[in-house]
């Protein structure tokens, strides 16, 4: 895959990044080198590599599932612009 100056301009517009015309060629070269590097990663044999979520094996600490504070509807809805029966009142957005 090759990135040209028009593609860089399009990506910059989508990302809402201001890019001057004299920067386009340099950015296209950088993006092409990044894409080449990603293609090299695709050539690696990863069939014996197990999927992982972290580089360091960790386990979650378990704790008892217990309610520490409850029945706070009045405190939670106190700062709401409008509330009714302990719930937030919001404007209808779908008709």
Protein backbone atom coordinates (compact mmCIF):
# COMPACT_ATOMS: atom_id res chain seq x y z
CA UNK A 1 0.00 0.00 0.00
CA UNK A 2 1.30 3.41 -0.88
CA UNK A 3 0.25 6.75 0.56
CA UNK A 4 0.40 9.79 -1.70
CA UNK A 5 0.02 13.47 -0.91
CA UNK A 6 -3.72 13.45 -1.65
CA UNK A 7 -4.20 10.63 0.86
CA UNK A 8 -2.21 12.55 3.48
CA UNK A 9 -4.34 15.62 2.82
CA UNK A 10 -7.51 13.50 3.20
CA UNK A 11 -6.28 11.89 6.45
CA UNK A 12 -5.35 15.30 7.84
CA UNK A 13 -8.80 16.64 7.00
CA UNK A 14 -10.49 13.66 8.68
CA UNK A 15 -8.29 14.12 11.76
CA UNK A 16 -8.92 17.88 11.66
CA UNK A 17 -5.18 18.56 11.58
CA UNK A 18 -3.81 21.54 9.71
CA UNK A 19 -1.05 20.41 7.35
CA UNK A 20 0.84 22.80 5.09
CA UNK A 21 1.46 21.79 1.47
CA UNK A 22 5.23 21.72 2.03
CA UNK A 23 4.74 19.07 4.77
CA UNK A 24 2.72 16.65 2.62
CA UNK A 25 5.63 14.88 0.94
CA UNK A 26 7.48 14.31 4.23
CA UNK A 27 4.34 13.00 5.93
CA UNK A 28 3.60 10.68 3.01
CA UNK A 29 7.11 9.19 3.31
CA UNK A 30 6.68 8.71 7.06
CA UNK A 31 3.29 7.05 6.66
CA UNK A 32 4.67 4.77 3.96
CA UNK A 33 7.54 3.71 6.22
CA UNK A 34 5.09 2.98 9.04
CA UNK A 35 2.92 0.90 6.71
CA UNK A 36 6.00 -0.99 5.48
CA UNK A 37 6.91 -1.78 9.09
CA UNK A 38 3.37 -3.05 9.78
CA UNK A 39 3.58 -5.27 6.70
CA UNK A 40 6.85 -6.72 8.04
CA UNK A 41 5.06 -7.59 11.28
CA UNK A 42 2.49 -9.51 9.24
CA UNK A 43 5.24 -11.77 7.91
CA UNK A 44 6.07 -13.08 11.39
CA UNK A 45 4.93 -16.57 12.34
CA UNK A 46 2.76 -16.13 15.42
CA UNK A 47 1.03 -19.51 15.31
CA UNK A 48 2.76 -20.64 18.54
CA UNK A 49 2.13 -17.38 20.40
CA UNK A 50 -0.78 -17.45 22.81
CA UNK A 51 -3.13 -14.45 22.85
CA UNK A 52 -2.60 -12.20 25.83
CA UNK A 53 -4.09 -9.10 27.36
CA UNK A 54 -0.94 -7.88 29.09
CA UNK A 55 2.80 -8.33 28.87
CA UNK A 56 2.83 -9.21 32.57
CA UNK A 57 0.64 -12.01 33.86
CA UNK A 58 -1.68 -10.68 36.53
CA UNK A 59 -4.76 -11.91 38.31
CA UNK A 60 -7.58 -9.80 39.63
CA UNK A 61 -7.88 -9.59 43.38
CA UNK A 62 -11.25 -10.93 44.46
CA UNK A 63 -13.33 -9.27 47.13
CA UNK A 64 -16.73 -9.80 48.60
CA UNK A 65 -19.55 -8.20 46.67
CA UNK A 66 -21.30 -6.18 49.33
CA UNK A 67 -23.21 -2.92 49.42
CA UNK A 68 -21.21 -0.32 51.32
CA UNK A 69 -23.50 2.67 50.87
CA UNK A 70 -27.03 2.51 49.60
CA UNK A 71 -30.30 4.38 49.15
CA UNK A 72 -28.72 7.63 47.97
CA UNK A 73 -31.32 8.66 45.41
CA UNK A 74 -31.92 12.03 47.04
CA UNK A 75 -28.21 12.86 47.19
CA UNK A 76 -27.58 11.66 43.62
CA UNK A 77 -30.43 13.63 42.07
CA UNK A 78 -29.99 16.74 44.24
CA UNK A 79 -27.96 18.63 41.58
CA UNK A 80 -30.11 17.51 38.65
CA UNK A 81 -31.95 20.28 36.80
CA UNK A 82 -35.13 18.21 37.16
CA UNK A 83 -35.95 14.98 38.96
CA UNK A 84 -39.07 13.03 39.77
CA UNK A 85 -39.51 10.06 42.12
CA UNK A 86 -35.73 9.68 42.50
CA UNK A 87 -35.03 9.66 38.74
CA UNK A 88 -33.57 12.25 36.37
CA UNK A 89 -36.09 14.02 34.14
CA UNK A 90 -34.68 14.52 30.64
CA UNK A 91 -36.23 16.09 27.55
CA UNK A 92 -37.80 13.75 25.03
CA UNK A 93 -35.47 13.32 22.04
CA UNK A 94 -37.31 10.67 20.00
CA UNK A 95 -40.82 11.18 18.76
